[in-house]
Structure formats: structure tokens, C-alpha cells
């Protein structure tokens, strides 16, 4: 989706059907809550609340991938901290 705000590309894996399960597991893993779900023709957008900020967890089918996207400057700051955490916790095969 890439709104011009800060984002984290999580994976190029996944598909339309597997995204909801991925979103549930990932949200629990980072301690966030899914608060809204929306589908479009080529993407699924789940809005989550993480550390008091609303951010988007997005699946796009072209190019295929899942990303986190900030919706504000304060959301971008939270994503930057989450990126540091995910990077330090990642194995060679990713998160």
C-alpha cells in the first residue's frame, strides 16, 4: 500500500487465505490487538493497536508481501522501535 509513511516489509511469503492467521499470530507475538479488518480487490488491511498507536498490517498480492505501515509520525516512531526489536530477535531465516 505504501502511503508514504514509515513501513516495515515483513515477508514476501503468504497469500490471501493465509494472511488472517498470520495476522493473528504476529499480533499476539508483538503484543498488539487487531481492531479493524478490511479487504480490497488486491489487498487485505488489518488495523492494529500497538503501544497505543494504530498501525496497518497489510497483505498485497502484487508485489506479493506483508508489511506494517505507520499512519502518523508517532506511529512511525513506534515502528522504528519495533523494527529494532524484530531485527534483534530474527534468526537467519527471518522473524
PDB file of N, CA and C in Angstrom:
ATOM      1  N   UNK A   1       0.831  -1.181   0.000  1.00  0.00           N
ATOM      2  CA  UNK A   1       0.000   0.000   0.000  1.00  0.00           C
ATOM      3  C   UNK A   1       0.874   1.243   0.000  1.00  0.00           C
ATOM      4  N   UNK A   2       1.838   1.300   0.868  1.00  0.00           N
ATOM      5  CA  UNK A   2       2.847   2.360   0.914  1.00  0.00           C
ATOM      6  C   UNK A   2       2.262   3.772   0.778  1.00  0.00           C
ATOM      7  N   UNK A   3       1.781   4.267   1.878  1.00  0.00           N
ATOM      8  CA  UNK A   3       1.130   5.570   1.940  1.00  0.00           C
ATOM      9  C   UNK A   3       2.114   6.730   1.972  1.00  0.00           C
ATOM     10  N   UNK A   4       3.394   6.429   2.023  1.00  0.00           N
ATOM     11  CA  UNK A   4       4.396   7.476   2.156  1.00  0.00           C
ATOM     12  C   UNK A   4       4.898   7.588   3.585  1.00  0.00           C
ATOM     13  N   UNK A   5       4.215   6.920   4.514  1.00  0.00           N
ATOM     14  CA  UNK A   5       4.677   6.860   5.896  1.00  0.00           C
ATOM     15  C   UNK A   5       5.671   5.717   6.060  1.00  0.00           C
ATOM     16  N   UNK A   6       6.283   5.659   7.214  1.00  0.00           N
ATOM     17  CA  UNK A   6       7.288   4.642   7.514  1.00  0.00           C
ATOM     18  C   UNK A   6       6.658   3.261   7.460  1.00  0.00           C
ATOM     19  N   UNK A   7       7.376   2.257   6.921  1.00  0.00           N
ATOM     20  CA  UNK A   7       6.851   0.895   6.848  1.00  0.00           C
ATOM     21  C   UNK A   7       7.954  -0.127   7.064  1.00  0.00           C
ATOM     22  N   UNK A   8       7.546  -1.344   7.396  1.00  0.00           N
ATOM     23  CA  UNK A   8       8.457  -2.478   7.552  1.00  0.00           C
ATOM     24  C   UNK A   8       7.941  -3.591   6.650  1.00  0.00           C
ATOM     25  N   UNK A   9       8.765  -4.052   5.735  1.00  0.00           N
ATOM     26  CA  UNK A   9       8.424  -5.209   4.920  1.00  0.00           C
ATOM     27  C   UNK A   9       8.736  -6.455   5.752  1.00  0.00           C
ATOM     28  N   UNK A  10       7.701  -7.228   6.088  1.00  0.00           N
ATOM     29  CA  UNK A  10       7.896  -8.393   6.944  1.00  0.00           C
ATOM     30  C   UNK A  10       8.278  -9.640   6.165  1.00  0.00           C
ATOM     31  N   UNK A  11       7.592  -9.906   5.052  1.00  0.00           N
ATOM     32  CA  UNK A  11       7.853 -11.117   4.291  1.00  0.00           C
ATOM     33  C   UNK A  11       7.270 -11.005   2.888  1.00  0.00           C
ATOM     34  N   UNK A  12       7.823 -11.764   1.984  1.00  0.00           N
ATOM     35  CA  UNK A  12       7.255 -11.894   0.644  1.00  0.00           C
ATOM     36  C   UNK A  12       6.450 -13.185   0.541  1.00  0.00           C
ATOM     37  N   UNK A  13       6.369 -13.913   1.638  1.00  0.00           N
ATOM     38  CA  UNK A  13       5.606 -15.165   1.688  1.00  0.00           C
ATOM     39  C   UNK A  13       4.152 -14.859   2.022  1.00  0.00           C
ATOM     40  N   UNK A  14       3.344 -15.893   1.987  1.00  0.00           N
ATOM     41  CA  UNK A  14       1.943 -15.749   2.361  1.00  0.00           C
ATOM     42  C   UNK A  14       1.048 -15.567   1.157  1.00  0.00           C
ATOM     43  N   UNK A  15      -0.252 -15.658   1.421  1.00  0.00           N
ATOM     44  CA  UNK A  15      -1.241 -15.459   0.372  1.00  0.00           C
ATOM     45  C   UNK A  15      -2.542 -14.961   0.995  1.00  0.00           C
ATOM     46  N   UNK A  16      -3.520 -14.725   0.155  1.00  0.00           N
ATOM     47  CA  UNK A  16      -4.798 -14.164   0.588  1.00  0.00           C
ATOM     48  C   UNK A  16      -5.404 -14.992   1.727  1.00  0.00           C
ATOM     49  N   UNK A  17      -5.398 -16.308   1.559  1.00  0.00           N
ATOM     50  CA  UNK A  17      -6.034 -17.189   2.532  1.00  0.00           C
ATOM     51  C   UNK A  17      -5.247 -17.295   3.837  1.00  0.00           C
ATOM     52  N   UNK A  18      -3.933 -17.247   3.771  1.00  0.00           N
ATOM     53  CA  UNK A  18      -3.118 -17.438   4.983  1.00  0.00           C
ATOM     54  C   UNK A  18      -2.907 -16.151   5.787  1.00  0.00           C
ATOM     55  N   UNK A  19      -3.199 -14.992   5.188  1.00  0.00           N
ATOM     56  CA  UNK A  19      -2.927 -13.734   5.868  1.00  0.00           C
ATOM     57  C   UNK A  19      -3.664 -13.568   7.202  1.00  0.00           C
ATOM     58  N   UNK A  20      -4.968 -13.873   7.299  1.00  0.00           N
ATOM     59  CA  UNK A  20      -5.638 -13.681   8.596  1.00  0.00           C
ATOM     60  C   UNK A  20      -4.972 -14.461   9.732  1.00  0.00           C
ATOM     61  N   UNK A  21      -4.573 -15.683   9.471  1.00  0.00           N
ATOM     62  CA  UNK A  21      -3.900 -16.486  10.514  1.00  0.00           C
ATOM     63  C   UNK A  21      -2.548 -15.866  10.841  1.00  0.00           C
ATOM     64  N   UNK A  22      -1.794 -15.466   9.813  1.00  0.00           N
ATOM     65  CA  UNK A  22      -0.514 -14.798  10.044  1.00  0.00           C
ATOM     66  C   UNK A  22      -0.712 -13.564  10.919  1.00  0.00           C
ATOM     67  N   UNK A  23      -1.734 -12.765  10.594  1.00  0.00           N
ATOM     68  CA  UNK A  23      -2.004 -11.535  11.334  1.00  0.00           C
ATOM     69  C   UNK A  23      -2.311 -11.828  12.797  1.00  0.00           C
ATOM     70  N   UNK A  24      -3.100 -12.857  13.059  1.00  0.00           N
ATOM     71  CA  UNK A  24      -3.436 -13.228  14.439  1.00  0.00           C
ATOM     72  C   UNK A  24      -2.183 -13.624  15.221  1.00  0.00           C
ATOM     73  N   UNK A  25      -1.387 -14.504  14.635  1.00  0.00           N
ATOM     74  CA  UNK A  25      -0.182 -14.988  15.313  1.00  0.00           C
ATOM     75  C   UNK A  25       0.818 -13.856  15.513  1.00  0.00           C
ATOM     76  N   UNK A  26       1.069 -13.083  14.470  1.00  0.00           N
ATOM     77  CA  UNK A  26       2.037 -11.991  14.559  1.00  0.00           C
ATOM     78  C   UNK A  26       1.593 -10.951  15.584  1.00  0.00           C
ATOM     79  N   UNK A  27       0.305 -10.603  15.565  1.00  0.00           N
ATOM     80  CA  UNK A  27      -0.204  -9.617  16.517  1.00  0.00           C
ATOM     81  C   UNK A  27       0.001 -10.060  17.954  1.00  0.00           C
ATOM     82  N   UNK A  28      -0.291 -11.325  18.232  1.00  0.00           N
ATOM     83  CA  UNK A  28      -0.062 -11.854  19.578  1.00  0.00           C
ATOM     84  C   UNK A  28       1.422 -11.825  19.921  1.00  0.00           C
ATOM     85  N   UNK A  29       2.249 -12.183  18.955  1.00  0.00           N
ATOM     86  CA  UNK A  29       3.700 -12.246  19.164  1.00  0.00           C
ATOM     87  C   UNK A  29       4.267 -10.891  19.586  1.00  0.00           C
ATOM     88  N   UNK A  30       3.762  -9.808  19.020  1.00  0.00           N
ATOM     89  CA  UNK A  30       4.304  -8.488  19.371  1.00  0.00           C
ATOM     90  C   UNK A  30       3.481  -7.775  20.442  1.00  0.00           C
ATOM     91  N   UNK A  31       2.378  -8.400  20.867  1.00  0.00           N
ATOM     92  CA  UNK A  31       1.564  -7.804  21.918  1.00  0.00           C
ATOM     93  C   UNK A  31       0.609  -6.727  21.435  1.00  0.00           C
ATOM     94  N   UNK A  32       0.132  -6.869  20.215  1.00  0.00           N
ATOM     95  CA  UNK A  32      -0.830  -5.893  19.677  1.00  0.00           C
ATOM     96  C   UNK A  32      -2.215  -6.522  19.576  1.00  0.00           C
ATOM     97  N   UNK A  33      -3.192  -5.699  19.241  1.00  0.00           N
ATOM     98  CA  UNK A  33      -4.576  -6.140  19.113  1.00  0.00           C
ATOM     99  C   UNK A  33      -5.100  -5.704  17.747  1.00  0.00           C
ATOM    100  N   UNK A  34      -5.746  -6.622  17.038  1.00  0.00           N
ATOM    101  CA  UNK A  34      -6.388  -6.276  15.764  1.00  0.00           C
ATOM    102  C   UNK A  34      -7.696  -5.558  16.087  1.00  0.00           C
ATOM    103  N   UNK A  35      -7.866  -4.353  15.533  1.00  0.00           N
ATOM    104  CA  UNK A  35      -9.063  -3.574  15.847  1.00  0.00           C
ATOM    105  C   UNK A  35      -9.966  -3.352  14.641  1.00  0.00           C
ATOM    106  N   UNK A  36      -9.470  -3.620  13.424  1.00  0.00           N
ATOM    107  CA  UNK A  36     -10.290  -3.445  12.232  1.00  0.00           C
ATOM    108  C   UNK A  36      -9.719  -4.303  11.111  1.00  0.00           C
ATOM    109  N   UNK A  37     -10.603  -4.840  10.281  1.00  0.00           N
ATOM    110  CA  UNK A  37     -10.191  -5.668   9.136  1.00  0.00           C
ATOM    111  C   UNK A  37     -10.913  -5.169   7.892  1.00  0.00           C
ATOM    112  N   UNK A  38     -10.162  -4.997   6.805  1.00  0.00           N
ATOM    113  CA  UNK A  38     -10.772  -4.554   5.551  1.00  0.00           C
ATOM    114  C   UNK A  38     -10.134  -5.301   4.388  1.00  0.00           C
ATOM    115  N   UNK A  39     -10.944  -5.629   3.401  1.00  0.00           N
ATOM    116  CA  UNK A  39     -10.468  -6.295   2.192  1.00  0.00           C
ATOM    117  C   UNK A  39     -10.731  -5.412   0.992  1.00  0.00           C
ATOM    118  N   UNK A  40      -9.772  -5.383   0.080  1.00  0.00           N
ATOM    119  CA  UNK A  40      -9.931  -4.738  -1.217  1.00  0.00           C
ATOM    120  C   UNK A  40      -9.660  -5.813  -2.270  1.00  0.00           C
ATOM    121  N   UNK A  41      -9.714  -5.436  -3.513  1.00  0.00           N
ATOM    122  CA  UNK A  41      -9.520  -6.404  -4.587  1.00  0.00           C
ATOM    123  C   UNK A  41      -8.145  -7.068  -4.514  1.00  0.00           C
ATOM    124  N   UNK A  42      -7.109  -6.295  -4.219  1.00  0.00           N
ATOM    125  CA  UNK A  42      -5.745  -6.812  -4.275  1.00  0.00           C
ATOM    126  C   UNK A  42      -4.995  -6.749  -2.946  1.00  0.00           C
ATOM    127  N   UNK A  43      -5.698  -6.438  -1.841  1.00  0.00           N
ATOM    128  CA  UNK A  43      -5.010  -6.354  -0.555  1.00  0.00           C
ATOM    129  C   UNK A  43      -5.975  -6.574   0.598  1.00  0.00           C
ATOM    130  N   UNK A  44      -5.376  -6.944   1.722  1.00  0.00           N
ATOM    131  CA  UNK A  44      -6.103  -7.039   2.990  1.00  0.00           C
ATOM    132  C   UNK A  44      -5.407  -6.094   3.943  1.00  0.00           C
ATOM    133  N   UNK A  45      -6.174  -5.282   4.658  1.00  0.00           N
ATOM    134  CA  UNK A  45      -5.604  -4.306   5.584  1.00  0.00           C
ATOM    135  C   UNK A  45      -6.208  -4.543   6.960  1.00  0.00           C
ATOM    136  N   UNK A  46      -5.366  -4.932   7.895  1.00  0.00           N
ATOM    137  CA  UNK A  46      -5.796  -5.102   9.276  1.00  0.00           C
ATOM    138  C   UNK A  46      -5.185  -3.966  10.073  1.00  0.00           C
ATOM    139  N   UNK A  47      -6.013  -3.202  10.729  1.00  0.00           N
ATOM    140  CA  UNK A  47      -5.522  -2.124  11.573  1.00  0.00           C
ATOM    141  C   UNK A  47      -5.286  -2.717  12.961  1.00  0.00           C
ATOM    142  N   UNK A  48      -4.105  -2.475  13.503  1.00  0.00           N
ATOM    143  CA  UNK A  48      -3.777  -2.996  14.822  1.00  0.00           C
ATOM    144  C   UNK A  48      -3.396  -1.850  15.745  1.00  0.00           C
ATOM    145  N   UNK A  49      -3.533  -2.099  17.030  1.00  0.00           N
ATOM    146  CA  UNK A  49      -3.075  -1.130  18.019  1.00  0.00           C
ATOM    147  C   UNK A  49      -1.870  -1.722  18.713  1.00  0.00           C
ATOM    148  N   UNK A  50      -0.770  -0.992  18.642  1.00  0.00           N
ATOM    149  CA  UNK A  50       0.490  -1.441  19.220  1.00  0.00           C
ATOM    150  C   UNK A  50       1.086  -0.281  20.019  1.00  0.00           C
ATOM    151  N   UNK A  51       1.285  -0.494  21.294  1.00  0.00           N
ATOM    152  CA  UNK A  51       1.823   0.524  22.198  1.00  0.00           C
ATOM    153  C   UNK A  51       1.050   1.845  22.099  1.00  0.00           C
ATOM    154  N   UNK A  52      -0.263   1.734  21.991  1.00  0.00           N
ATOM    155  CA  UNK A  52      -1.117   2.913  21.955  1.00  0.00           C
ATOM    156  C   UNK A  52      -1.230   3.588  20.603  1.00  0.00           C
ATOM    157  N   UNK A  53      -0.576   3.041  19.587  1.00  0.00           N
ATOM    158  CA  UNK A  53      -0.620   3.625  18.238  1.00  0.00           C
ATOM    159  C   UNK A  53      -1.318   2.679  17.272  1.00  0.00           C
ATOM    160  N   UNK A  54      -2.076   3.255  16.363  1.00  0.00           N
ATOM    161  CA  UNK A  54      -2.711   2.457  15.313  1.00  0.00           C
ATOM    162  C   UNK A  54      -1.770   2.374  14.122  1.00  0.00           C
ATOM    163  N   UNK A  55      -1.523   1.143  13.707  1.00  0.00           N
ATOM    164  CA  UNK A  55      -0.698   0.895  12.519  1.00  0.00           C
ATOM    165  C   UNK A  55      -1.411  -0.148  11.669  1.00  0.00           C
ATOM    166  N   UNK A  56      -1.024  -0.229  10.415  1.00  0.00           N
ATOM    167  CA  UNK A  56      -1.658  -1.175   9.491  1.00  0.00           C
ATOM    168  C   UNK A  56      -0.752  -2.384   9.272  1.00  0.00           C
ATOM    169  N   UNK A  57      -1.374  -3.548   9.295  1.00  0.00           N
ATOM    170  CA  UNK A  57      -0.735  -4.786   8.875  1.00  0.00           C
ATOM    171  C   UNK A  57      -1.377  -5.114   7.539  1.00  0.00           C
ATOM    172  N   UNK A  58      -0.583  -5.116   6.468  1.00  0.00           N
ATOM    173  CA  UNK A  58      -1.128  -5.146   5.104  1.00  0.00           C
ATOM    174  C   UNK A  58      -0.590  -6.337   4.316  1.00  0.00           C
ATOM    175  N   UNK A  59      -1.508  -7.070   3.662  1.00  0.00           N
ATOM    176  CA  UNK A  59      -1.128  -8.073   2.672  1.00  0.00           C
ATOM    177  C   UNK A  59      -1.449  -7.511   1.298  1.00  0.00           C
ATOM    178  N   UNK A  60      -0.476  -7.539   0.391  1.00  0.00           N
ATOM    179  CA  UNK A  60      -0.703  -7.137  -1.007  1.00  0.00           C
ATOM    180  C   UNK A  60      -0.367  -8.312  -1.900  1.00  0.00           C
ATOM    181  N   UNK A  61      -1.196  -8.548  -2.929  1.00  0.00           N
ATOM    182  CA  UNK A  61      -0.912  -9.682  -3.799  1.00  0.00           C
ATOM    183  C   UNK A  61       0.035  -9.344  -4.951  1.00  0.00           C
ATOM    184  N   UNK A  62       0.278  -8.065  -5.234  1.00  0.00           N
ATOM    185  CA  UNK A  62       1.287  -7.706  -6.237  1.00  0.00           C
ATOM    186  C   UNK A  62       1.898  -6.360  -5.891  1.00  0.00           C
ATOM    187  N   UNK A  63       3.173  -6.306  -5.627  1.00  0.00           N
ATOM    188  CA  UNK A  63       4.019  -7.481  -5.440  1.00  0.00           C
ATOM    189  C   UNK A  63       3.636  -8.176  -4.138  1.00  0.00           C
ATOM    190  N   UNK A  64       3.710  -9.493  -4.157  1.00  0.00           N
ATOM    191  CA  UNK A  64       3.280 -10.287  -3.020  1.00  0.00           C
ATOM    192  C   UNK A  64       4.093  -9.945  -1.781  1.00  0.00           C
ATOM    193  N   UNK A  65       3.410  -9.665  -0.671  1.00  0.00           N
ATOM    194  CA  UNK A  65       4.128  -9.406   0.557  1.00  0.00           C
ATOM    195  C   UNK A  65       3.234  -8.908   1.676  1.00  0.00           C
ATOM    196  N   UNK A  66       3.807  -8.939   2.874  1.00  0.00           N
ATOM    197  CA  UNK A  66       3.128  -8.463   4.074  1.00  0.00           C
ATOM    198  C   UNK A  66       3.994  -7.387   4.698  1.00  0.00           C
ATOM    199  N   UNK A  67       3.371  -6.273   5.069  1.00  0.00           N
ATOM    200  CA  UNK A  67       4.116  -5.167   5.660  1.00  0.00           C
ATOM    201  C   UNK A  67       3.335  -4.543   6.814  1.00  0.00           C
ATOM    202  N   UNK A  68       4.070  -3.833   7.641  1.00  0.00           N
ATOM    203  CA  UNK A  68       3.494  -2.970   8.674  1.00  0.00           C
ATOM    204  C   UNK A  68       3.677  -1.550   8.203  1.00  0.00           C
ATOM    205  N   UNK A  69       2.642  -0.716   8.359  1.00  0.00           N
ATOM    206  CA  UNK A  69       2.725   0.665   7.889  1.00  0.00           C
ATOM    207  C   UNK A  69       2.203   1.616   8.951  1.00  0.00           C
ATOM    208  N   UNK A  70       2.951   2.682   9.178  1.00  0.00           N
ATOM    209  CA  UNK A  70       2.510   3.689  10.143  1.00  0.00           C
ATOM    210  C   UNK A  70       1.433   4.558   9.512  1.00  0.00           C
ATOM    211  N   UNK A  71       0.627   5.152  10.378  1.00  0.00           N
ATOM    212  CA  UNK A  71      -0.444   6.036   9.925  1.00  0.00           C
ATOM    213  C   UNK A  71      -0.205   7.466  10.395  1.00  0.00           C
ATOM    214  N   UNK A  72       0.906   7.686  11.113  1.00  0.00           N
ATOM    215  CA  UNK A  72       1.202   9.007  11.676  1.00  0.00           C
ATOM    216  C   UNK A  72       2.679   9.065  12.063  1.00  0.00           C
ATOM    217  N   UNK A  73       3.142  10.239  12.435  1.00  0.00           N
ATOM    218  CA  UNK A  73       4.535  10.395  12.882  1.00  0.00           C
ATOM    219  C   UNK A  73       4.791   9.601  14.156  1.00  0.00           C
ATOM    220  N   UNK A  74       3.835   9.594  15.079  1.00  0.00           N
ATOM    221  CA  UNK A  74       4.028   8.830  16.313  1.00  0.00           C
ATOM    222  C   UNK A  74       3.991   7.333  16.032  1.00  0.00           C
ATOM    223  N   UNK A  75       3.195   6.925  15.046  1.00  0.00           N
ATOM    224  CA  UNK A  75       3.187   5.527  14.622  1.00  0.00           C
ATOM    225  C   UNK A  75       4.508   5.131  13.998  1.00  0.00           C
ATOM    226  N   UNK A  76       5.121   6.048  13.266  1.00  0.00           N
ATOM    227  CA  UNK A  76       6.431   5.785  12.656  1.00  0.00           C
ATOM    228  C   UNK A  76       7.480   5.554  13.738  1.00  0.00           C
ATOM    229  N   UNK A  77       7.434   6.332  14.815  1.00  0.00           N
ATOM    230  CA  UNK A  77       8.387   6.159  15.912  1.00  0.00           C
ATOM    231  C   UNK A  77       8.230   4.784  16.546  1.00  0.00           C
ATOM    232  N   UNK A  78       6.989   4.338  16.716  1.00  0.00           N
ATOM    233  CA  UNK A  78       6.731   3.021  17.283  1.00  0.00           C
ATOM    234  C   UNK A  78       7.236   1.930  16.336  1.00  0.00           C
ATOM    235  N   UNK A  79       7.015   2.107  15.033  1.00  0.00           N
ATOM    236  CA  UNK A  79       7.504   1.113  14.066  1.00  0.00           C
ATOM    237  C   UNK A  79       9.028   1.026  14.064  1.00  0.00           C
ATOM    238  N   UNK A  80       9.692   2.144  14.220  1.00  0.00           N
ATOM    239  CA  UNK A  80      11.152   2.122  14.265  1.00  0.00           C
ATOM    240  C   UNK A  80      11.650   1.310  15.447  1.00  0.00           C
ATOM    241  N   UNK A  81      10.999   1.459  16.593  1.00  0.00           N
ATOM    242  CA  UNK A  81      11.371   0.675  17.773  1.00  0.00           C
ATOM    243  C   UNK A  81      11.048  -0.805  17.563  1.00  0.00           C
ATOM    244  N   UNK A  82       9.901  -1.089  16.952  1.00  0.00           N
ATOM    245  CA  UNK A  82       9.535  -2.473  16.663  1.00  0.00           C
ATOM    246  C   UNK A  82      10.522  -3.094  15.689  1.00  0.00           C
ATOM    247  N   UNK A  83      10.968  -2.339  14.695  1.00  0.00           N
ATOM    248  CA  UNK A  83      11.961  -2.839  13.744  1.00  0.00           C
ATOM    249  C   UNK A  83      13.236  -3.250  14.467  1.00  0.00           C
ATOM    250  N   UNK A  84      13.690  -2.449  15.402  1.00  0.00           N
ATOM    251  CA  UNK A  84      14.891  -2.798  16.178  1.00  0.00           C
ATOM    252  C   UNK A  84      14.677  -4.095  16.936  1.00  0.00           C
ATOM    253  N   UNK A  85      13.511  -4.229  17.558  1.00  0.00           N
ATOM    254  CA  UNK A  85      13.194  -5.434  18.305  1.00  0.00           C
ATOM    255  C   UNK A  85      13.146  -6.659  17.393  1.00  0.00           C
ATOM    256  N   UNK A  86      12.444  -6.552  16.280  1.00  0.00           N
ATOM    257  CA  UNK A  86      12.331  -7.672  15.358  1.00  0.00           C
ATOM    258  C   UNK A  86      13.683  -8.039  14.770  1.00  0.00           C
ATOM    259  N   UNK A  87      14.493  -7.047  14.472  1.00  0.00           N
ATOM    260  CA  UNK A  87      15.817  -7.312  13.907  1.00  0.00           C
ATOM    261  C   UNK A  87      16.708  -8.040  14.910  1.00  0.00           C
ATOM    262  N   UNK A  88      16.624  -7.670  16.170  1.00  0.00           N
ATOM    263  CA  UNK A  88      17.467  -8.326  17.171  1.00  0.00           C
ATOM    264  C   UNK A  88      16.971  -9.735  17.497  1.00  0.00           C
ATOM    265  N   UNK A  89      15.656  -9.983  17.313  1.00  0.00           N
ATOM    266  CA  UNK A  89      15.087 -11.291  17.593  1.00  0.00           C
ATOM    267  C   UNK A  89      15.127 -12.230  16.387  1.00  0.00           C
ATOM    268  N   UNK A  90      15.422 -11.733  15.216  1.00  0.00           N
ATOM    269  CA  UNK A  90      15.335 -12.517  13.975  1.00  0.00           C
ATOM    270  C   UNK A  90      16.452 -13.550  13.886  1.00  0.00           C
ATOM    271  N   UNK A  91      16.077 -14.702  13.373  1.00  0.00           N
ATOM    272  CA  UNK A  91      17.070 -15.718  13.053  1.00  0.00           C
ATOM    273  C   UNK A  91      17.561 -15.467  11.625  1.00  0.00           C
ATOM    274  N   UNK A  92      18.412 -16.327  11.149  1.00  0.00           N
ATOM    275  CA  UNK A  92      18.887 -16.167   9.776  1.00  0.00           C
ATOM    276  C   UNK A  92      17.742 -16.325   8.776  1.00  0.00           C
ATOM    277  N   UNK A  93      16.688 -17.013   9.165  1.00  0.00           N
ATOM    278  CA  UNK A  93      15.551 -17.249   8.274  1.00  0.00           C
ATOM    279  C   UNK A  93      14.458 -16.205   8.443  1.00  0.00           C
ATOM    280  N   UNK A  94      14.702 -15.155   9.205  1.00  0.00           N
ATOM    281  CA  UNK A  94      13.704 -14.106   9.402  1.00  0.00           C
ATOM    282  C   UNK A  94      13.057 -14.203  10.767  1.00  0.00           C
ATOM    283  N   UNK A  95      11.968 -13.484  10.921  1.00  0.00           N
ATOM    284  CA  UNK A  95      11.269 -13.399  12.213  1.00  0.00           C
ATOM    285  C   UNK A  95      10.543 -14.686  12.509  1.00  0.00           C
TER     286      UNK A  95
END
